[in-house]
Amino acid sequence: MSREQKELVQRLYVDDLDRRKIELEMSIEKSTFYRIKEKALIIYGEVVGHIPYMIK
């Protein structure tokens, strides 16, 4: 996972922050938030075996 993905996941799921607060703190737009989150969840799914590893 990239530093950006780790930061977003930490803030969203561990720190339990609101999406809008995360966007402000990370200086990102809503579309960027969802793009980073989607990629991070795909990586997580691959690691835990819920999604077959995808060659990128």
Protein backbone atom coordinates (compact mmCIF):
# COMPACT_ATOMS: atom_id res chain seq x y z
CA MET A 1 0.00 0.00 0.00
CA SER A 2 1.22 3.50 -0.73
CA ARG A 3 1.79 6.03 2.05
CA GLU A 4 -1.33 7.89 0.88
CA GLN A 5 -3.45 4.73 0.99
CA LYS A 6 -2.19 3.82 4.47
CA GLU A 7 -2.91 7.33 5.73
CA LEU A 8 -6.46 7.31 4.36
CA VAL A 9 -7.23 3.84 5.74
CA GLN A 10 -5.80 4.82 9.15
CA ARG A 11 -7.88 7.99 9.33
CA LEU A 12 -11.06 6.37 8.03
CA TYR A 13 -11.12 3.01 9.81
CA VAL A 14 -8.86 3.41 12.85
CA ASP A 15 -9.32 7.08 13.73
CA ASP A 16 -12.98 6.92 12.58
CA LEU A 17 -12.86 10.33 10.90
CA ASP A 18 -15.52 11.66 8.55
CA ARG A 19 -14.74 11.59 4.82
CA ARG A 20 -14.94 15.38 4.55
CA LYS A 21 -12.48 15.86 7.42
CA ILE A 22 -10.05 13.42 5.82
CA GLU A 23 -10.32 15.26 2.50
CA LEU A 24 -9.52 18.55 4.21
CA GLU A 25 -6.63 17.17 6.25
CA MET A 26 -5.10 15.37 3.25
CA SER A 27 -5.89 18.25 0.83
CA ILE A 28 -7.67 15.96 -1.61
CA GLU A 29 -10.94 16.12 -3.51
CA LYS A 30 -13.89 13.77 -3.04
CA SER A 31 -13.10 11.84 -6.23
CA THR A 32 -9.48 11.38 -5.10
CA PHE A 33 -10.67 10.12 -1.71
CA TYR A 34 -12.75 7.41 -3.35
CA ARG A 35 -10.00 6.49 -5.83
CA ILE A 36 -7.43 6.05 -3.04
CA LYS A 37 -9.91 4.15 -0.88
CA GLU A 38 -10.89 1.78 -3.71
CA LYS A 39 -7.28 0.94 -4.54
CA ALA A 40 -6.44 0.39 -0.87
CA LEU A 41 -9.40 -1.95 -0.41
CA ILE A 42 -8.42 -3.94 -3.48
CA ILE A 43 -4.91 -4.39 -2.08
CA TYR A 44 -6.35 -5.40 1.30
CA GLY A 45 -8.68 -7.90 -0.37
CA GLU A 46 -5.77 -9.42 -2.27
CA VAL A 47 -3.66 -9.71 0.89
CA VAL A 48 -6.36 -11.46 2.91
CA GLY A 49 -7.34 -13.67 -0.01
CA HIS A 50 -10.83 -12.32 -0.71
CA ILE A 51 -9.85 -11.06 -4.15
CA PRO A 52 -7.54 -13.03 -6.44
CA TYR A 53 -4.24 -11.24 -6.96
CA MET A 54 -4.44 -9.04 -10.04
CA ILE A 55 -1.34 -8.44 -12.12
CA LYS A 56 -1.05 -4.70 -12.66
